[in-house]
Protein backbone atom coordinates (compact mmCIF):
# COMPACT_ATOMS: atom_id res chain seq x y z
CA MET A 1 160.30 119.29 115.51
CA ALA A 2 159.92 118.43 111.22
CA TYR A 3 161.31 115.91 110.03
CA ASP A 4 163.95 117.25 107.51
CA GLY A 5 164.74 113.93 105.82
CA LYS A 6 163.75 112.85 102.39
CA PHE A 7 160.17 111.21 101.59
CA VAL A 8 160.03 108.85 99.13
CA ILE A 9 156.61 109.39 97.57
CA THR A 10 154.79 107.56 94.61
CA ALA A 11 151.60 108.87 92.73
CA VAL A 12 149.26 107.07 90.32
CA PRO A 13 146.25 108.18 89.06
CA ALA A 14 143.00 106.31 90.13
CA GLU A 15 142.21 105.36 86.53
CA GLN A 16 145.75 103.06 86.83
CA ARG A 17 144.95 101.69 89.90
CA PRO A 18 141.38 99.81 89.38
CA MET A 19 139.96 97.98 92.34
CA PRO A 20 140.66 94.49 92.39
CA ARG A 21 138.08 92.13 91.75
CA VAL A 22 138.69 90.23 95.35
CA GLU A 23 139.31 91.68 98.41
CA LEU A 24 139.49 89.90 102.05
CA CYS A 25 139.26 91.57 105.62
CA GLU A 26 139.22 89.74 108.89
CA LEU A 27 138.52 90.98 112.26
CA LYS A 28 138.40 89.11 115.85
CA GLY A 29 136.00 90.15 118.74
CA ILE A 30 137.25 91.47 122.02
CA GLY A 31 136.73 87.54 123.03
CA HIS A 32 138.91 86.02 120.54
CA PRO A 33 142.02 84.22 122.24
CA ASP A 34 144.12 86.52 120.19
CA SER A 35 143.00 89.77 121.44
CA ILE A 36 142.30 88.43 124.74
CA CYS A 37 146.23 88.37 124.59
CA ASP A 38 146.52 92.10 122.67
CA GLY A 39 144.05 93.51 125.08
CA VAL A 40 146.21 92.17 128.52
CA ALA A 41 149.57 92.90 127.15
CA GLU A 42 148.11 96.37 126.30
CA ALA A 43 146.54 96.62 129.63
CA ALA A 44 149.61 95.73 131.03
CA SER A 45 151.78 98.61 128.77
CA ARG A 46 149.82 101.48 129.76
CA ALA A 47 149.82 100.98 133.51
CA LEU A 48 153.56 100.26 133.31
CA GLY A 49 154.26 103.52 131.67
CA ALA A 50 151.96 105.46 133.96
CA GLU A 51 154.31 103.98 137.18
CA TYR A 52 157.35 104.52 135.88
CA LEU A 53 155.69 108.62 134.68
CA ARG A 54 154.99 108.21 138.36
CA ALA A 55 158.01 106.92 139.93
CA TYR A 56 160.92 108.50 137.37
CA GLY A 57 159.09 111.32 135.38
CA GLN A 58 160.21 109.07 132.50
CA VAL A 59 159.45 105.76 130.79
CA GLN A 60 161.74 103.29 131.78
CA HIS A 61 162.70 100.44 129.34
CA PHE A 62 160.33 97.55 129.01
CA ASN A 63 158.27 95.41 126.54
CA VAL A 64 155.30 93.13 127.78
CA ASP A 65 154.69 92.04 123.78
CA LYS A 66 155.07 88.45 124.66
CA ALA A 67 151.69 86.50 126.02
CA LEU A 68 150.12 83.38 125.33
CA LEU A 69 146.58 81.98 126.21
CA ILE A 70 146.23 78.56 126.79
CA GLY A 71 142.72 77.11 126.38
CA GLY A 72 141.44 75.77 129.40
CA GLN A 73 138.03 72.55 129.40
CA SER A 74 134.89 72.93 130.09
CA LEU A 75 131.38 70.78 129.80
CA PRO A 76 128.78 73.37 128.38
CA ARG A 77 125.12 71.80 128.77
CA PHE A 78 121.96 73.46 128.12
CA GLY A 79 120.54 75.71 131.13
CA GLY A 80 125.10 75.87 132.30
CA GLY A 81 127.60 73.96 132.55
CA LYS A 82 130.94 74.06 134.10
CA ILE A 83 134.69 74.73 134.02
CA VAL A 84 136.69 71.53 134.33
CA SER A 85 139.73 73.04 134.04
CA PRO A 86 140.71 77.36 133.91
CA MET A 87 142.47 79.06 131.58
CA ARG A 88 146.02 79.94 131.79
CA LEU A 89 147.23 83.31 130.90
CA ILE A 90 150.51 83.53 130.38
CA LEU A 91 152.90 86.87 129.86
CA ALA A 92 156.49 87.28 129.49
CA GLY A 93 159.13 90.20 128.62
CA PRO A 94 161.67 92.38 129.64
CA VAL A 95 160.99 95.03 132.89
CA SER A 96 162.61 97.75 134.45
CA PRO A 97 161.59 97.22 138.61
CA LEU A 98 160.13 99.90 140.16
CA PRO A 99 162.02 101.74 143.59
CA ASP A 100 158.57 101.56 145.62
CA ALA A 101 156.39 99.11 144.07
CA ASP A 102 156.47 94.90 143.08
CA VAL A 103 156.96 95.58 138.79
CA GLY A 104 155.31 92.12 139.00
CA GLU A 105 152.12 92.74 141.05
CA VAL A 106 151.58 96.09 138.42
CA VAL A 107 151.51 93.94 135.54
CA ARG A 108 149.38 91.55 137.49
CA GLN A 109 146.69 93.36 138.06
CA ALA A 110 146.69 95.24 135.30
CA ALA A 111 145.55 92.08 133.35
CA HIS A 112 143.22 90.83 135.94
CA GLY A 113 141.49 94.46 135.87
CA TYR A 114 141.41 94.22 131.53
CA LEU A 115 139.64 90.66 132.11
CA SER A 116 137.37 92.09 134.51
CA THR A 117 136.22 95.24 132.38
CA ALA A 118 136.58 93.66 128.80
CA LEU A 119 135.10 90.15 128.94
CA ARG A 120 131.92 89.08 130.87
CA CYS A 121 132.96 86.47 132.30
CA ASN A 122 134.36 85.57 135.65
CA PRO A 123 138.18 86.88 135.07
CA ASP A 124 139.53 84.25 138.17
CA LEU A 125 139.12 81.55 135.75
CA PHE A 126 141.77 82.89 133.98
CA LEU A 127 145.39 81.89 135.84
CA ILE A 128 147.91 84.76 135.11
CA GLU A 129 151.72 83.49 135.01
CA LEU A 130 153.91 86.16 134.99
CA ALA A 131 157.58 85.89 133.20
CA ILE A 132 159.19 88.48 133.56
CA ARG A 133 162.87 90.06 134.46
CA PRO A 134 164.84 92.74 133.58
CA GLY A 135 166.06 93.30 129.95
CA SER A 136 169.47 94.30 128.36
CA ALA A 137 172.07 97.08 129.14
CA SER A 138 172.29 97.97 125.76
CA LEU A 139 168.48 98.26 124.95
CA ARG A 140 168.01 100.06 128.14
CA ARG A 141 170.64 102.82 126.53
CA VAL A 142 168.10 103.85 124.16
CA LEU A 143 165.45 105.26 127.25
CA SER A 144 168.49 107.57 128.87
CA GLN A 145 167.85 110.40 126.60
CA ASP A 146 165.53 113.12 126.52
CA SER A 147 162.73 113.24 124.80
CA SER A 148 164.35 114.93 121.89
CA THR A 149 167.04 112.20 121.57
CA ARG A 150 164.93 109.08 121.99
CA LEU A 151 166.52 105.99 120.23
CA ALA A 152 164.33 103.43 118.35
CA ASN A 153 165.38 100.27 119.75
CA ASP A 154 165.16 98.20 116.73
CA THR A 155 164.76 98.07 113.47
CA SER A 156 161.92 97.53 111.97
CA PHE A 157 158.68 98.89 110.14
CA GLY A 158 155.36 100.14 110.35
CA ALA A 159 152.62 100.64 108.08
CA GLY A 160 149.37 102.15 107.70
CA TYR A 161 146.54 102.97 104.87
CA ALA A 162 143.74 105.64 104.54
CA PRO A 163 140.68 105.36 104.39
CA TYR A 164 138.75 102.10 105.05
CA SER A 165 137.30 100.24 102.02
CA PRO A 166 133.73 99.61 101.40
CA LEU A 167 134.59 96.16 102.81
CA ASP A 168 136.65 97.17 105.83
CA ARG A 169 134.01 99.56 107.13
CA ALA A 170 131.17 96.43 106.36
CA VAL A 171 133.21 94.37 108.82
CA LEU A 172 133.64 97.05 111.54
CA ALA A 173 130.20 98.04 111.02
CA LEU A 174 129.11 94.28 112.21
CA SER A 175 131.88 93.98 114.40
CA ARG A 176 130.18 97.17 116.23
CA ILE A 177 126.15 95.40 115.93
CA LEU A 178 127.88 92.14 117.44
CA ARG A 179 129.23 94.75 120.95
CA SER A 180 126.35 96.66 120.75
CA SER A 181 123.96 96.77 123.74
CA ASP A 182 120.92 96.48 121.49
CA PHE A 183 122.40 92.92 120.26
CA ARG A 184 123.19 91.53 123.77
CA MET A 185 119.59 92.63 125.16
CA ARG A 186 118.18 91.21 122.26
CA PHE A 187 120.40 87.92 122.24
CA PRO A 188 122.06 86.68 125.86
CA ALA A 189 123.09 84.06 124.15
CA ALA A 190 125.83 85.77 122.42
CA GLY A 191 128.99 85.37 123.64
CA ASP A 192 131.99 88.14 123.76
CA ASP A 193 134.16 85.50 121.74
CA PHE A 194 133.43 86.44 117.97
CA LYS A 195 135.09 86.34 114.24
CA VAL A 196 133.91 87.91 111.19
CA MET A 197 135.17 87.78 107.97
CA GLY A 198 134.83 89.59 104.75
CA VAL A 199 134.75 88.84 100.98
CA ARG A 200 134.38 90.89 98.00
CA ALA A 201 133.54 89.84 94.74
CA ASP A 202 133.43 92.25 91.92
CA LEU A 203 130.41 94.10 94.08
CA ASN A 204 129.36 91.24 95.77
CA LEU A 205 129.72 90.61 99.53
CA SER A 206 129.43 88.35 101.91
CA PHE A 207 130.52 87.72 105.51
CA THR A 208 130.98 84.26 107.67
CA ILE A 209 130.70 84.62 111.91
CA ALA A 210 131.57 82.61 114.80
CA LEU A 211 130.18 83.49 117.60
CA ALA A 212 130.20 81.81 121.02
CA PHE A 213 126.67 80.70 122.62
CA VAL A 214 126.55 80.95 125.90
CA ASP A 215 125.09 77.64 127.61
CA ARG A 216 123.07 78.95 130.52
CA GLN A 217 121.07 81.17 127.66
CA VAL A 218 120.18 77.94 125.40
CA THR A 219 117.62 75.32 126.77
CA SER A 220 117.82 72.97 123.49
CA VAL A 221 119.17 72.66 119.88
CA SER A 222 116.29 74.00 117.97
CA GLU A 223 115.99 77.09 120.44
CA TYR A 224 119.86 77.53 119.08
CA PHE A 225 119.21 77.43 115.46
CA GLU A 226 116.36 79.43 116.14
CA MET A 227 118.43 82.01 117.79
CA LYS A 228 120.63 81.30 114.73
CA ILE A 229 118.29 82.42 112.14
CA GLU A 230 116.83 85.35 114.20
CA MET A 231 120.43 86.93 114.33
CA VAL A 232 121.15 86.59 110.61
CA ARG A 233 118.44 88.39 110.09
CA TYR A 234 119.06 91.30 112.62
CA LEU A 235 122.87 91.38 111.72
CA GLN A 236 121.26 91.70 107.75
CA GLU A 237 118.53 94.96 109.02
CA THR A 238 120.85 96.27 111.02
CA LEU A 239 124.08 96.26 108.43
CA ALA A 240 121.51 97.45 105.66
CA LEU A 241 123.96 95.93 103.21
CA SER A 242 123.21 93.89 99.86
CA CYS A 243 125.08 90.34 101.50
CA ASP A 244 125.42 86.76 102.48
CA ILE A 245 126.02 86.62 106.22
CA ALA A 246 126.71 82.88 107.42
CA LEU A 247 127.02 82.48 111.17
CA ASN A 248 128.57 79.49 113.16
CA MET A 249 129.55 77.22 110.03
CA LEU A 250 130.43 73.94 112.38
CA ASP A 251 126.50 73.50 113.53
CA ALA A 252 125.88 69.94 112.87
CA SER A 253 122.17 69.96 113.60
CA THR A 254 122.01 65.94 113.11
CA ALA A 255 124.02 65.65 116.41
CA GLY A 256 121.19 66.48 118.46
CA ASP A 257 122.96 67.67 121.42
CA GLU A 258 125.65 70.10 122.84
CA SER A 259 128.25 68.83 120.77
CA GLY A 260 127.70 69.48 117.37
CA ILE A 261 127.14 73.33 118.07
CA TYR A 262 129.26 76.12 119.31
CA LEU A 263 128.37 76.50 122.87
CA THR A 264 130.68 77.64 126.02
CA VAL A 265 130.03 78.09 129.57
CA THR A 266 131.83 81.38 129.21
CA GLY A 267 130.86 82.73 125.57
CA LEU A 268 134.64 82.16 125.25
CA SER A 269 136.04 79.37 122.81
CA ALA A 270 139.34 79.55 124.91
CA GLU A 271 137.93 77.20 127.85
CA GLN A 272 137.49 74.36 125.58
CA GLY A 273 141.11 74.18 124.45
CA ASP A 274 141.50 77.50 121.95
CA ASP A 275 144.94 79.41 122.08
CA GLY A 276 145.72 82.44 121.43
CA GLN A 277 149.05 84.66 121.27
CA VAL A 278 149.99 88.75 121.31
CA GLY A 279 150.23 90.18 117.21
CA ARG A 280 147.83 87.17 115.40
CA GLY A 281 144.73 88.90 115.35
CA ASN A 282 143.84 92.78 114.50
CA ARG A 283 146.39 95.13 113.20
CA LEU A 284 146.57 98.60 114.72
CA CYS A 285 144.16 99.44 112.40
CA GLY A 286 141.40 96.96 114.32
CA LEU A 287 141.62 94.72 110.94
CA ILE A 288 143.36 92.11 108.86
CA THR A 289 143.87 93.11 105.96
CA PRO A 290 145.90 91.43 103.30
CA GLY A 291 145.63 92.98 99.92
CA GLN A 292 146.70 96.49 102.37
CA VAL A 293 150.04 97.66 103.45
CA MET A 294 149.95 95.99 106.80
CA SER A 295 153.12 95.41 109.40
CA LEU A 296 153.37 91.86 111.07
CA GLU A 297 154.85 93.84 114.16
CA ALA A 298 152.36 92.77 117.44
CA ALA A 299 152.13 96.44 118.42
CA ALA A 300 150.06 95.61 121.93
CA GLY A 301 152.40 95.32 124.90
CA LYS A 302 155.37 96.86 123.20
CA ASN A 303 157.13 99.71 124.40
CA PRO A 304 155.26 103.16 123.78
CA VAL A 305 158.05 105.75 123.97
CA VAL A 306 160.85 103.65 121.95
CA HIS A 307 159.36 100.41 120.56
CA VAL A 308 159.02 101.91 116.86
CA GLY A 309 156.84 98.33 116.18
CA LYS A 310 154.17 100.14 117.77
CA ILE A 311 154.54 103.99 117.63
CA TYR A 312 155.41 104.04 113.78
CA ASN A 313 152.46 101.48 112.98
CA ALA A 314 150.16 103.99 114.84
CA LEU A 315 152.56 107.33 113.26
CA SER A 316 151.80 105.43 109.52
CA LEU A 317 147.96 105.23 110.17
CA GLU A 318 147.55 108.37 111.44
CA MET A 319 149.32 109.91 108.47
CA ALA A 320 147.70 108.17 105.73
CA ARG A 321 144.66 109.50 107.21
CA ALA A 322 146.19 113.14 107.70
CA ILE A 323 147.25 113.15 103.94
CA CYS A 324 143.83 111.79 102.77
CA THR A 325 141.76 114.57 104.85
CA GLU A 326 143.96 117.66 104.22
CA VAL A 327 145.67 116.95 101.15
CA HIS A 328 142.57 117.93 98.26
CA GLY A 329 142.81 115.17 95.24
CA ILE A 330 144.24 112.37 97.19
CA VAL A 331 141.49 109.54 97.52
CA LYS A 332 143.94 106.69 99.07
CA ALA A 333 146.84 106.95 100.97
CA SER A 334 149.36 103.77 101.92
CA VAL A 335 152.65 104.87 104.50
CA GLN A 336 155.68 102.75 105.46
CA ILE A 337 157.88 104.34 108.10
CA LEU A 338 161.46 102.45 108.56
CA SER A 339 163.36 102.61 111.81
CA THR A 340 167.37 101.55 112.30
CA VAL A 341 168.02 100.34 115.97
CA GLY A 342 169.74 103.31 117.81
CA ARG A 343 169.04 106.00 115.62
CA PRO A 344 166.40 108.65 117.10
CA ILE A 345 162.60 108.01 116.77
CA ARG A 346 162.06 111.58 114.93
CA GLU A 347 164.71 110.81 112.05
CA PRO A 348 163.55 107.22 110.44
CA GLY A 349 165.58 106.01 107.86
CA LEU A 350 162.93 105.90 105.37
CA VAL A 351 158.98 107.46 104.66
CA ALA A 352 157.70 105.66 101.29
CA ILE A 353 154.54 107.32 100.51
CA GLU A 354 152.13 106.20 97.98
CA VAL A 355 148.54 108.06 96.93
CA ILE A 356 146.27 107.71 94.34
CA THR A 357 145.47 110.73 92.87
CA THR A 358 142.28 111.93 90.86
CA GLY A 359 143.47 115.09 88.84
CA GLY A 360 147.10 115.09 88.34
CA PHE A 361 150.47 115.08 91.13
CA SER A 362 151.22 119.03 91.22
CA ASP A 363 154.98 119.82 93.09
CA GLY A 364 152.16 122.18 95.46
CA ILE A 365 150.77 118.83 95.96
CA LYS A 366 153.61 117.11 96.46
CA ARG A 367 155.06 119.74 98.49
CA LYS A 368 151.91 119.88 100.90
CA VAL A 369 152.00 115.61 101.31
CA GLU A 370 155.45 116.23 102.71
CA GLU A 371 154.33 119.26 105.17
CA VAL A 372 151.18 117.31 106.73
CA ALA A 373 153.98 114.15 106.76
CA GLY A 374 156.67 116.12 108.77
CA ARG A 375 153.96 117.75 111.01
CA CYS A 376 152.94 113.84 111.87
CA LEU A 377 156.28 113.20 112.44
CA GLY A 378 156.77 116.09 114.57
CA ARG A 379 153.96 115.13 116.79
CA VAL A 380 155.51 111.55 117.58
CA ASP A 381 156.08 112.48 121.81
CA GLN A 382 152.14 113.41 121.64
CA LEU A 383 151.45 110.05 120.63
CA SER A 384 153.18 108.42 122.74
CA GLU A 385 151.87 109.75 125.77
CA ARG A 386 148.57 108.40 124.23
CA LEU A 387 149.25 105.43 123.78
CA ILE A 388 150.64 105.68 127.05
CA ARG A 389 146.97 107.32 128.15
CA GLY A 390 145.14 104.53 126.06
CA GLU A 391 143.57 106.44 123.42
CA ILE A 392 144.87 104.84 120.33
CA SER A 393 143.77 101.50 119.97
CA VAL A 394 146.25 99.05 118.85
CA PHE A 395 144.34 96.12 117.53
């Protein structure tokens, strides 16, 4: 079913929208405390969605998008330290029961399984605590309909843009390098917890990276700083861009021991009291981009069938990409989709699209934009299925 409501389309000639002088872009790596919360919450969401489909034939009401990571305490030492107190991971949210399984155990196993596969430390260092319970009857009602009339369970909006800017692509490329098997083989001291902050000032690119080191792979302060130099050299050569890269700027070489450098037992800052929370990390596009349209909704852990805070963010991103790919003369698209609680998800309250064009914006191009956007909206059910299967990353 194509969307038959009204699109609000704004076209701006490329020459009237020059590149801003300054651009910021941030990415939190897989082991960052906020990313851990996002990953665990989304793993629980996918597991619940699959279990509800198995037991009921359709997804039931749930949301597990509230997760809090409470940092532990550790004593890192050259050659290998120890964990003094474990990290606590609390998941909360309303969930519907299962007729033949413990829904809490489904959530717990999904969380533990994610920690086991995503991180290289012992998952048992996380104490998983659940605060799940049934949700309100009024919100459960939005899932009592068949798929053609599913209702939005919130008044919210999703936002997405395309394509990625050169700075965006550079930050993503640095993240891929830091997670690559080659980087990890060359630098076994590199942990899973990292953050990349990218800045473009006019045409100048600079990146600041925080990367946890694993203590058992480091023998001394001097070796640590030698590793840093080699890492920066490798990153610059592999990225192959003219840029400045700074690594672990809080390090103090004068300390002479472990206390002045970013050394950890597990490769995670969470072991040393750094807390995390769902929704404080990467947006659904995988980045934090304050200069682009973006929603503050936490997509991870939300219901993939009726929660527009998740669905419309994924839909906005895919719609923007489709418009840029399929409509000639459009070099950038920004999409915002507004929902109203209780209205069918296929009938958003507003679809606002801004396109940056080259060569004008005719009625024919406008109709093509509407056609592409309407087709994306008509595939919202398939998008929900892809979210359940984990085919769409949400952070």
